[in-house]
């Protein structure tokens, strides 16, 4: 029997197998049967189930911190918020503080969960918890980045200028920025 999700009966998974994998990714093939009897073969990136975090660090009420790092997918350097996978046994808040220390050199005394987003749910089971970090103090951990990340202070008042940049284009970062604006309106 299939599970019901939002008044829709989920397709029956008749078979699931990993058809390709690399160091970072596994592609899973699913043989599905829909409630109307239609059958299809779908492929998706198999997720780890751990999830990831993206942190919007606030240095003060008017300034956020961004990082500039290499983006292999576009072979460019991009501005964005610090982010990373949740390690086994970590909560999103613990992962956020670890990533802050590794990528930005700060630890937060306050973390505020904003929202959880899913990237391309048709193809991925990848969720990302977006958090705001406040009460920052200097504290670093060694990260896994191949080169030091550039930390950039950005005035929150200059959001339109940030959105106009060609190196601030990741959809999750844009979503986090808009969520930050909403959060600030609700908390001032």
N, C-alpha and C. Protein backbone atom coordinates (compact mmCIF):
# COMPACT_ATOMS: atom_id res chain seq x y z
N UNK A 1 0.85 -1.19 0.00
CA UNK A 1 0.00 0.00 0.00
C UNK A 1 0.89 1.24 0.00
N UNK A 2 0.50 2.22 -0.78
CA UNK A 2 1.28 3.46 -0.87
C UNK A 2 0.84 4.47 0.17
N UNK A 3 1.77 5.28 0.56
CA UNK A 3 1.53 6.35 1.53
C UNK A 3 0.77 7.49 0.84
N UNK A 4 -0.03 8.21 1.64
CA UNK A 4 -0.74 9.39 1.12
C UNK A 4 0.03 10.63 1.55
N UNK A 5 0.27 11.53 0.58
CA UNK A 5 1.01 12.76 0.83
C UNK A 5 0.20 13.91 0.22
N UNK A 6 -0.33 14.79 1.07
CA UNK A 6 -1.16 15.92 0.61
C UNK A 6 -2.32 15.44 -0.25
N UNK A 7 -3.04 14.43 0.23
CA UNK A 7 -4.21 13.86 -0.44
C UNK A 7 -3.90 13.19 -1.77
N UNK A 8 -2.63 12.93 -2.06
CA UNK A 8 -2.23 12.20 -3.26
C UNK A 8 -1.57 10.90 -2.82
N UNK A 9 -1.91 9.82 -3.50
CA UNK A 9 -1.28 8.54 -3.20
C UNK A 9 0.08 8.51 -3.89
N UNK A 10 1.12 8.30 -3.11
CA UNK A 10 2.47 8.24 -3.67
C UNK A 10 2.63 7.01 -4.56
N UNK A 11 3.44 7.12 -5.60
CA UNK A 11 3.68 5.94 -6.46
C UNK A 11 4.30 4.80 -5.67
N UNK A 12 4.05 3.59 -6.13
CA UNK A 12 4.66 2.40 -5.54
C UNK A 12 6.04 2.23 -6.15
N UNK A 13 7.06 2.03 -5.32
CA UNK A 13 8.41 1.77 -5.79
C UNK A 13 8.56 0.26 -5.90
N UNK A 14 8.63 -0.24 -7.14
CA UNK A 14 8.77 -1.68 -7.35
C UNK A 14 10.23 -2.13 -7.28
N UNK A 15 11.14 -1.23 -7.66
CA UNK A 15 12.56 -1.58 -7.63
C UNK A 15 13.37 -0.30 -7.50
N UNK A 16 14.48 -0.42 -6.81
CA UNK A 16 15.40 0.70 -6.63
C UNK A 16 16.81 0.14 -6.69
N UNK A 17 17.66 0.79 -7.51
CA UNK A 17 19.06 0.34 -7.57
C UNK A 17 19.97 1.50 -7.92
N UNK A 18 21.19 1.45 -7.39
CA UNK A 18 22.21 2.44 -7.71
C UNK A 18 22.78 2.05 -9.08
N UNK A 19 22.69 2.98 -10.05
CA UNK A 19 23.16 2.69 -11.41
C UNK A 19 24.48 3.37 -11.74
N UNK A 20 24.88 4.33 -10.94
CA UNK A 20 26.18 5.00 -11.14
C UNK A 20 26.56 5.68 -9.84
N UNK A 21 27.88 5.77 -9.62
CA UNK A 21 28.32 6.51 -8.45
C UNK A 21 29.73 7.02 -8.66
N UNK A 22 30.00 8.12 -7.96
CA UNK A 22 31.33 8.72 -7.97
C UNK A 22 31.73 8.94 -6.53
N UNK A 23 32.79 9.67 -6.33
CA UNK A 23 33.25 9.97 -4.98
C UNK A 23 32.18 10.72 -4.18
N UNK A 24 31.40 11.58 -4.87
CA UNK A 24 30.44 12.44 -4.19
C UNK A 24 28.97 12.09 -4.43
N UNK A 25 28.65 11.43 -5.54
CA UNK A 25 27.26 11.26 -5.92
C UNK A 25 26.93 9.80 -6.21
N UNK A 26 25.66 9.46 -5.96
CA UNK A 26 25.10 8.17 -6.35
C UNK A 26 23.82 8.46 -7.13
N UNK A 27 23.68 7.80 -8.29
CA UNK A 27 22.45 7.93 -9.08
C UNK A 27 21.64 6.66 -8.88
N UNK A 28 20.40 6.87 -8.47
CA UNK A 28 19.49 5.77 -8.15
C UNK A 28 18.40 5.71 -9.22
N UNK A 29 18.12 4.50 -9.70
CA UNK A 29 17.02 4.28 -10.65
C UNK A 29 15.86 3.68 -9.88
N UNK A 30 14.67 4.25 -10.10
CA UNK A 30 13.46 3.76 -9.45
C UNK A 30 12.47 3.30 -10.51
N UNK A 31 11.89 2.13 -10.30
CA UNK A 31 10.78 1.66 -11.14
C UNK A 31 9.50 1.95 -10.36
N UNK A 32 8.67 2.86 -10.91
CA UNK A 32 7.50 3.37 -10.19
C UNK A 32 6.20 2.98 -10.88
N UNK A 33 5.17 2.82 -10.05
CA UNK A 33 3.81 2.63 -10.56
C UNK A 33 2.92 3.67 -9.89
N UNK A 34 2.26 4.48 -10.71
CA UNK A 34 1.41 5.55 -10.21
C UNK A 34 0.00 5.02 -9.95
N UNK A 35 -0.80 5.77 -9.21
CA UNK A 35 -2.13 5.31 -8.79
C UNK A 35 -3.06 5.05 -9.97
N UNK A 36 -2.78 5.65 -11.13
CA UNK A 36 -3.61 5.41 -12.32
C UNK A 36 -3.12 4.21 -13.14
N UNK A 37 -2.10 3.51 -12.63
CA UNK A 37 -1.57 2.33 -13.32
C UNK A 37 -0.38 2.62 -14.23
N UNK A 38 -0.09 3.87 -14.50
CA UNK A 38 1.05 4.22 -15.35
C UNK A 38 2.35 3.84 -14.65
N UNK A 39 3.30 3.30 -15.41
CA UNK A 39 4.61 2.94 -14.86
C UNK A 39 5.68 3.79 -15.54
N UNK A 40 6.69 4.14 -14.77
CA UNK A 40 7.79 4.95 -15.28
C UNK A 40 9.07 4.56 -14.56
N UNK A 41 10.17 4.84 -15.24
CA UNK A 41 11.49 4.70 -14.66
C UNK A 41 12.02 6.11 -14.40
N UNK A 42 12.35 6.41 -13.16
CA UNK A 42 12.90 7.71 -12.79
C UNK A 42 14.33 7.52 -12.30
N UNK A 43 15.13 8.55 -12.45
CA UNK A 43 16.47 8.56 -11.86
C UNK A 43 16.57 9.77 -10.96
N UNK A 44 17.28 9.59 -9.86
CA UNK A 44 17.50 10.69 -8.94
C UNK A 44 18.87 10.55 -8.30
N UNK A 45 19.36 11.67 -7.78
CA UNK A 45 20.58 11.65 -6.99
C UNK A 45 20.19 11.12 -5.61
N UNK A 46 20.81 10.05 -5.19
CA UNK A 46 20.52 9.50 -3.87
C UNK A 46 21.18 10.37 -2.82
N UNK A 47 20.39 10.85 -1.87
CA UNK A 47 20.92 11.71 -0.82
C UNK A 47 21.44 10.91 0.36
N UNK A 48 22.23 11.59 1.18
CA UNK A 48 22.76 10.94 2.39
C UNK A 48 21.73 10.95 3.50
N UNK A 49 20.72 11.82 3.38
CA UNK A 49 19.71 11.95 4.42
C UNK A 49 20.12 12.88 5.55
N UNK A 50 21.39 13.32 5.55
CA UNK A 50 21.87 14.17 6.65
C UNK A 50 21.45 15.62 6.48
N UNK A 51 21.39 16.09 5.25
CA UNK A 51 21.06 17.48 5.00
C UNK A 51 22.28 18.38 5.10
N UNK A 52 22.03 19.66 4.95
CA UNK A 52 23.09 20.66 4.95
C UNK A 52 22.56 21.93 5.63
N UNK A 53 23.48 22.84 5.86
CA UNK A 53 23.13 24.13 6.47
C UNK A 53 23.69 25.27 5.62
N UNK A 54 22.99 26.39 5.65
CA UNK A 54 23.49 27.65 5.12
C UNK A 54 23.28 28.67 6.22
N UNK A 55 24.31 29.47 6.47
CA UNK A 55 24.26 30.39 7.58
C UNK A 55 24.35 31.82 7.06
N UNK A 56 23.48 32.69 7.56
CA UNK A 56 23.53 34.12 7.28
C UNK A 56 24.13 34.77 8.52
N UNK A 57 25.45 35.00 8.53
CA UNK A 57 26.09 35.58 9.71
C UNK A 57 25.90 37.10 9.77
N UNK A 58 25.42 37.58 10.90
CA UNK A 58 25.25 39.01 11.10
C UNK A 58 26.33 39.50 12.05
N UNK A 59 27.24 40.31 11.51
CA UNK A 59 28.32 40.87 12.34
C UNK A 59 27.74 41.86 13.34
N UNK A 60 26.74 42.60 12.88
CA UNK A 60 25.97 43.51 13.72
C UNK A 60 24.61 43.67 13.04
N UNK A 61 23.78 44.56 13.56
CA UNK A 61 22.42 44.72 13.03
C UNK A 61 22.39 45.20 11.59
N UNK A 62 23.49 45.80 11.13
CA UNK A 62 23.51 46.39 9.79
C UNK A 62 24.44 45.69 8.79
N UNK A 63 25.19 44.68 9.26
CA UNK A 63 26.23 44.08 8.41
C UNK A 63 26.17 42.56 8.43
N UNK A 64 26.16 41.98 7.24
CA UNK A 64 26.23 40.52 7.13
C UNK A 64 27.59 40.14 6.55
N UNK A 65 27.94 38.89 6.74
CA UNK A 65 29.21 38.38 6.23
C UNK A 65 28.95 37.41 5.10
N UNK A 66 29.68 37.60 4.01
CA UNK A 66 29.63 36.71 2.85
C UNK A 66 31.00 36.08 2.68
N UNK A 67 31.05 35.02 1.92
CA UNK A 67 32.34 34.43 1.56
C UNK A 67 32.44 34.38 0.04
N UNK A 68 33.66 34.45 -0.44
CA UNK A 68 33.94 34.26 -1.87
C UNK A 68 34.70 32.94 -1.97
N UNK A 69 34.13 32.02 -2.75
CA UNK A 69 34.78 30.72 -2.91
C UNK A 69 34.61 30.22 -4.33
N UNK A 70 35.47 29.27 -4.68
CA UNK A 70 35.45 28.69 -6.01
C UNK A 70 34.21 27.81 -6.17
N UNK A 71 33.50 27.97 -7.28
CA UNK A 71 32.33 27.17 -7.62
C UNK A 71 32.68 26.34 -8.85
N UNK A 72 32.91 25.06 -8.65
CA UNK A 72 33.36 24.17 -9.73
C UNK A 72 32.33 24.08 -10.86
N UNK A 73 31.04 24.08 -10.50
CA UNK A 73 29.99 23.93 -11.52
C UNK A 73 30.03 25.01 -12.59
N UNK A 74 30.38 26.22 -12.20
CA UNK A 74 30.44 27.33 -13.15
C UNK A 74 31.88 27.76 -13.43
N UNK A 75 32.85 27.10 -12.82
CA UNK A 75 34.27 27.43 -12.95
C UNK A 75 34.48 28.93 -12.76
N UNK A 76 34.02 29.39 -11.59
CA UNK A 76 34.11 30.81 -11.27
C UNK A 76 34.19 30.98 -9.76
N UNK A 77 34.51 32.18 -9.32
CA UNK A 77 34.45 32.52 -7.90
C UNK A 77 33.12 33.20 -7.65
N UNK A 78 32.42 32.76 -6.64
CA UNK A 78 31.09 33.26 -6.33
C UNK A 78 31.03 33.80 -4.91
N UNK A 79 30.19 34.82 -4.71
CA UNK A 79 29.86 35.33 -3.39
C UNK A 79 28.67 34.55 -2.87
N UNK A 80 28.67 34.26 -1.60
CA UNK A 80 27.53 33.58 -1.02
C UNK A 80 27.67 33.50 0.49
N UNK A 81 26.76 32.77 1.08
CA UNK A 81 26.80 32.56 2.51
C UNK A 81 27.52 31.25 2.81
N UNK A 82 28.14 31.14 3.99
CA UNK A 82 28.80 29.88 4.34
C UNK A 82 27.78 28.74 4.41
N UNK A 83 28.25 27.56 4.03
CA UNK A 83 27.34 26.41 4.00
C UNK A 83 28.15 25.13 4.08
N UNK A 84 27.48 24.04 4.39
CA UNK A 84 28.14 22.75 4.40
C UNK A 84 27.22 21.64 4.88
N UNK A 85 27.69 20.42 4.73
CA UNK A 85 26.92 19.25 5.13
C UNK A 85 26.84 19.13 6.64
N UNK A 86 25.76 18.54 7.10
CA UNK A 86 25.62 18.20 8.51
C UNK A 86 26.34 16.88 8.73
N UNK A 87 27.28 16.85 9.66
CA UNK A 87 28.01 15.63 9.96
C UNK A 87 27.13 14.66 10.76
N UNK A 88 27.39 13.35 10.68
CA UNK A 88 26.61 12.39 11.46
C UNK A 88 26.60 12.77 12.94
N UNK A 89 25.41 12.76 13.53
CA UNK A 89 25.26 13.07 14.94
C UNK A 89 25.10 14.54 15.26
N UNK A 90 25.29 15.43 14.28
CA UNK A 90 25.15 16.86 14.50
C UNK A 90 23.70 17.31 14.29
N UNK A 91 23.31 18.33 15.04
CA UNK A 91 22.05 19.03 14.76
C UNK A 91 22.37 20.12 13.73
N UNK A 92 21.35 20.68 13.09
CA UNK A 92 21.62 21.78 12.17
C UNK A 92 22.34 22.94 12.86
N UNK A 93 22.00 23.23 14.11
CA UNK A 93 22.65 24.33 14.83
C UNK A 93 24.13 24.02 15.09
N UNK A 94 24.44 22.81 15.46
CA UNK A 94 25.84 22.44 15.68
C UNK A 94 26.62 22.51 14.38
N UNK A 95 26.03 22.03 13.30
CA UNK A 95 26.70 22.10 12.00
C UNK A 95 26.90 23.55 11.57
N UNK A 96 25.92 24.40 11.82
CA UNK A 96 26.03 25.81 11.45
C UNK A 96 27.20 26.47 12.19
N UNK A 97 27.33 26.21 13.47
CA UNK A 97 28.43 26.83 14.22
C UNK A 97 29.78 26.26 13.79
N UNK A 98 29.83 24.98 13.46
CA UNK A 98 31.08 24.40 12.96
C UNK A 98 31.47 25.03 11.63
N UNK A 99 30.52 25.12 10.70
CA UNK A 99 30.80 25.70 9.39
C UNK A 99 31.20 27.17 9.51
N UNK A 100 30.56 27.91 10.42
CA UNK A 100 30.94 29.31 10.64
C UNK A 100 32.40 29.41 11.05
N UNK A 101 32.82 28.55 11.97
CA UNK A 101 34.20 28.57 12.44
C UNK A 101 35.17 28.17 11.33
N UNK A 102 34.79 27.19 10.52
CA UNK A 102 35.67 26.72 9.45
C UNK A 102 35.78 27.72 8.30
N UNK A 103 34.67 28.34 7.93
CA UNK A 103 34.65 29.16 6.72
C UNK A 103 34.78 30.65 6.97
N UNK A 104 34.35 31.13 8.15
CA UNK A 104 34.32 32.57 8.40
C UNK A 104 35.22 32.97 9.57
N UNK A 105 35.52 32.03 10.45
CA UNK A 105 36.36 32.34 11.60
C UNK A 105 35.60 32.93 12.77
N UNK A 106 34.31 32.63 12.86
CA UNK A 106 33.47 33.11 13.95
C UNK A 106 32.64 31.96 14.51
N UNK A 107 32.20 32.14 15.76
CA UNK A 107 31.22 31.26 16.37
C UNK A 107 30.06 32.14 16.80
N UNK A 108 28.84 31.62 16.76
CA UNK A 108 27.65 32.40 17.10
C UNK A 108 27.13 32.01 18.47
N UNK A 109 26.70 33.00 19.23
CA UNK A 109 26.05 32.70 20.51
C UNK A 109 24.55 32.49 20.32
N UNK A 110 24.02 32.95 19.18
CA UNK A 110 22.59 32.78 18.88
C UNK A 110 22.42 32.34 17.43
N UNK A 111 21.65 31.28 17.26
CA UNK A 111 21.31 30.80 15.91
C UNK A 111 19.79 30.74 15.81
N UNK A 112 19.27 31.32 14.73
CA UNK A 112 17.83 31.37 14.51
C UNK A 112 17.48 30.60 13.24
N UNK A 113 16.79 29.47 13.36
CA UNK A 113 16.36 28.76 12.15
C UNK A 113 15.37 29.62 11.36
N UNK A 114 15.62 29.76 10.06
CA UNK A 114 14.74 30.55 9.20
C UNK A 114 13.77 29.69 8.41
N UNK A 115 14.34 28.71 7.72
CA UNK A 115 13.52 27.91 6.79
C UNK A 115 14.35 26.72 6.33
N UNK A 116 13.68 25.69 5.88
CA UNK A 116 14.36 24.56 5.25
C UNK A 116 13.92 24.52 3.79
N UNK A 117 14.90 24.49 2.89
CA UNK A 117 14.60 24.46 1.46
C UNK A 117 15.12 23.15 0.87
N UNK A 118 14.52 22.78 -0.25
CA UNK A 118 14.96 21.59 -0.98
C UNK A 118 15.43 22.04 -2.35
N UNK A 119 16.56 21.51 -2.77
CA UNK A 119 17.12 21.86 -4.06
C UNK A 119 16.65 20.83 -5.10
N UNK A 120 15.93 21.28 -6.11
CA UNK A 120 15.48 20.44 -7.22
C UNK A 120 14.89 19.11 -6.73
N UNK A 121 13.76 19.15 -5.97
CA UNK A 121 13.22 17.92 -5.39
C UNK A 121 12.78 16.87 -6.41
N UNK A 122 12.67 17.25 -7.67
CA UNK A 122 12.37 16.25 -8.70
C UNK A 122 13.54 15.30 -8.89
N UNK A 123 14.76 15.78 -8.63
CA UNK A 123 15.95 14.98 -8.89
C UNK A 123 16.81 14.70 -7.67
N UNK A 124 16.63 15.46 -6.58
CA UNK A 124 17.50 15.32 -5.41
C UNK A 124 16.66 15.16 -4.15
N UNK A 125 17.19 14.44 -3.19
CA UNK A 125 16.65 14.45 -1.84
C UNK A 125 17.67 15.19 -1.01
N UNK A 126 17.73 16.52 -1.21
CA UNK A 126 18.74 17.34 -0.56
C UNK A 126 18.07 18.52 0.11
N UNK A 127 18.06 18.51 1.43
CA UNK A 127 17.45 19.63 2.14
C UNK A 127 18.54 20.47 2.79
N UNK A 128 18.27 21.77 2.86
CA UNK A 128 19.21 22.70 3.46
C UNK A 128 18.47 23.55 4.48
N UNK A 129 19.02 23.57 5.69
CA UNK A 129 18.49 24.39 6.77
C UNK A 129 19.18 25.75 6.70
N UNK A 130 18.39 26.82 6.61
CA UNK A 130 18.94 28.17 6.58
C UNK A 130 18.78 28.78 7.97
N UNK A 131 19.89 29.27 8.52
CA UNK A 131 19.89 29.85 9.86
C UNK A 131 20.54 31.22 9.84
N UNK A 132 20.09 32.09 10.75
CA UNK A 132 20.75 33.37 10.98
C UNK A 132 21.64 33.20 12.20
N UNK A 133 22.86 33.73 12.13
CA UNK A 133 23.81 33.67 13.24
C UNK A 133 24.03 35.07 13.78
N UNK A 134 23.87 35.23 15.09
CA UNK A 134 24.11 36.51 15.76
C UNK A 134 25.04 36.29 16.94
N UNK A 135 25.51 37.39 17.51
CA UNK A 135 26.41 37.31 18.66
C UNK A 135 27.71 36.63 18.28
N UNK A 136 28.33 37.10 17.21
CA UNK A 136 29.54 36.47 16.69
C UNK A 136 30.77 36.87 17.49
N UNK A 137 31.63 35.89 17.71
CA UNK A 137 32.95 36.17 18.29
C UNK A 137 33.97 35.33 17.54
N UNK A 138 35.20 35.85 17.47
CA UNK A 138 36.25 35.17 16.70
C UNK A 138 36.56 33.81 17.31
N UNK A 139 36.50 32.80 16.45
CA UNK A 139 36.92 31.44 16.81
C UNK A 139 36.99 30.64 15.52
N UNK A 140 38.11 30.02 15.27
CA UNK A 140 38.32 29.31 14.00
C UNK A 140 38.52 27.82 14.21
N UNK A 141 38.12 27.06 13.21
CA UNK A 141 38.43 25.64 13.09
C UNK A 141 39.01 25.43 11.69
N UNK A 142 39.85 24.44 11.55
CA UNK A 142 40.37 24.12 10.23
C UNK A 142 39.27 23.44 9.42
N UNK A 143 39.06 23.94 8.21
CA UNK A 143 38.04 23.38 7.34
C UNK A 143 38.65 22.50 6.26
N UNK A 144 37.83 22.12 5.30
CA UNK A 144 38.29 21.25 4.22
C UNK A 144 38.44 21.98 2.89
N UNK A 145 38.39 23.31 2.92
CA UNK A 145 38.52 24.08 1.69
C UNK A 145 39.95 24.01 1.18
N UNK A 146 40.15 23.97 -0.14
CA UNK A 146 41.49 23.87 -0.70
C UNK A 146 42.30 25.16 -0.61
N UNK A 147 41.63 26.28 -0.38
CA UNK A 147 42.30 27.57 -0.26
C UNK A 147 41.52 28.42 0.74
N UNK A 148 42.17 29.41 1.34
CA UNK A 148 41.45 30.27 2.28
C UNK A 148 40.28 30.98 1.59
N UNK A 149 39.16 31.07 2.29
CA UNK A 149 38.00 31.76 1.75
C UNK A 149 38.08 33.24 2.12
N UNK A 150 37.71 34.08 1.19
CA UNK A 150 37.68 35.52 1.44
C UNK A 150 36.37 35.86 2.14
N UNK A 151 36.45 36.50 3.30
CA UNK A 151 35.27 36.93 4.04
C UNK A 151 35.01 38.40 3.71
N UNK A 152 33.77 38.70 3.34
CA UNK A 152 33.41 40.04 2.89
C UNK A 152 32.26 40.56 3.74
N UNK A 153 32.46 41.74 4.33
CA UNK A 153 31.39 42.41 5.06
C UNK A 153 30.50 43.13 4.05
N UNK A 154 29.19 42.96 4.20
CA UNK A 154 28.26 43.58 3.26
C UNK A 154 27.14 44.27 4.04
N UNK A 155 26.90 45.56 3.76
CA UNK A 155 25.81 46.27 4.42
C UNK A 155 24.45 45.69 4.00
N UNK A 156 23.63 45.35 4.98
CA UNK A 156 22.31 44.80 4.67
C UNK A 156 21.49 45.81 3.86
N UNK A 157 21.72 47.08 4.07
CA UNK A 157 20.99 48.12 3.32
C UNK A 157 21.30 48.07 1.82
N UNK A 158 22.40 47.43 1.43
CA UNK A 158 22.79 47.37 0.01
C UNK A 158 22.41 46.04 -0.65
N UNK A 159 21.25 45.51 -0.30
CA UNK A 159 20.79 44.24 -0.86
C UNK A 159 20.60 44.32 -2.37
N UNK A 160 20.02 45.41 -2.85
CA UNK A 160 19.80 45.53 -4.30
C UNK A 160 21.11 45.49 -5.07
N UNK A 161 22.15 46.11 -4.53
CA UNK A 161 23.46 46.09 -5.17
C UNK A 161 24.02 44.66 -5.20
N UNK A 162 23.81 43.93 -4.11
CA UNK A 162 24.27 42.54 -4.05
C UNK A 162 23.53 41.68 -5.08
N UNK A 163 22.23 41.85 -5.16
CA UNK A 163 21.43 41.07 -6.12
C UNK A 163 21.76 41.39 -7.57
N UNK A 164 22.32 42.57 -7.82
CA UNK A 164 22.68 42.96 -9.19
C UNK A 164 24.04 42.40 -9.62
N UNK A 165 24.78 41.83 -8.70
CA UNK A 165 26.13 41.33 -9.02
C UNK A 165 26.04 40.02 -9.81
N UNK A 166 26.99 39.83 -10.71
CA UNK A 166 27.05 38.60 -11.49
C UNK A 166 27.66 37.44 -10.70
N UNK A 167 28.26 37.72 -9.55
CA UNK A 167 28.86 36.65 -8.76
C UNK A 167 28.06 36.32 -7.50
N UNK A 168 26.82 36.78 -7.43
CA UNK A 168 25.90 36.41 -6.35
C UNK A 168 24.64 35.87 -7.02
N UNK A 169 24.69 34.60 -7.42
CA UNK A 169 23.61 34.05 -8.24
C UNK A 169 23.04 32.73 -7.74
N UNK A 170 23.63 32.16 -6.71
CA UNK A 170 23.10 30.87 -6.26
C UNK A 170 21.70 31.06 -5.68
N UNK A 171 20.75 30.27 -6.17
CA UNK A 171 19.35 30.42 -5.78
C UNK A 171 19.15 30.30 -4.27
N UNK A 172 19.86 29.39 -3.62
CA UNK A 172 19.69 29.24 -2.18
C UNK A 172 20.18 30.48 -1.44
N UNK A 173 21.21 31.12 -1.92
CA UNK A 173 21.71 32.36 -1.30
C UNK A 173 20.71 33.49 -1.48
N UNK A 174 20.12 33.58 -2.67
CA UNK A 174 19.10 34.60 -2.92
C UNK A 174 17.91 34.36 -2.00
N UNK A 175 17.48 33.11 -1.88
CA UNK A 175 16.37 32.78 -0.97
C UNK A 175 16.72 33.17 0.47
N UNK A 176 17.94 32.85 0.90
CA UNK A 176 18.36 33.19 2.27
C UNK A 176 18.35 34.69 2.49
N UNK A 177 18.76 35.45 1.49
CA UNK A 177 18.77 36.90 1.59
C UNK A 177 17.35 37.44 1.75
N UNK A 178 16.43 36.93 0.96
CA UNK A 178 15.04 37.38 1.06
C UNK A 178 14.42 36.96 2.39
N UNK A 179 14.77 35.77 2.88
CA UNK A 179 14.29 35.33 4.19
C UNK A 179 14.86 36.20 5.31
N UNK A 180 16.12 36.64 5.15
CA UNK A 180 16.73 37.55 6.12
C UNK A 180 15.94 38.85 6.19
N UNK A 181 15.60 39.41 5.04
CA UNK A 181 14.84 40.66 5.02
C UNK A 181 13.49 40.49 5.74
N UNK A 182 12.82 39.41 5.49
CA UNK A 182 11.53 39.13 6.15
C UNK A 182 11.74 39.00 7.66
N UNK A 183 12.77 38.26 8.06
CA UNK A 183 13.07 38.05 9.48
C UNK A 183 13.36 39.37 10.17
N UNK A 184 14.14 40.24 9.52
CA UNK A 184 14.47 41.54 10.11
C UNK A 184 13.22 42.40 10.31
N UNK A 185 12.31 42.39 9.35
CA UNK A 185 11.06 43.15 9.49
C UNK A 185 10.24 42.65 10.68
N UNK A 186 10.20 41.32 10.85
CA UNK A 186 9.42 40.73 11.94
C UNK A 186 10.08 40.89 13.31
N UNK A 187 11.40 41.14 13.34
CA UNK A 187 12.13 41.18 14.61
C UNK A 187 12.73 42.54 14.92
N UNK A 188 12.17 43.61 14.35
CA UNK A 188 12.65 44.95 14.70
C UNK A 188 11.54 45.78 15.30
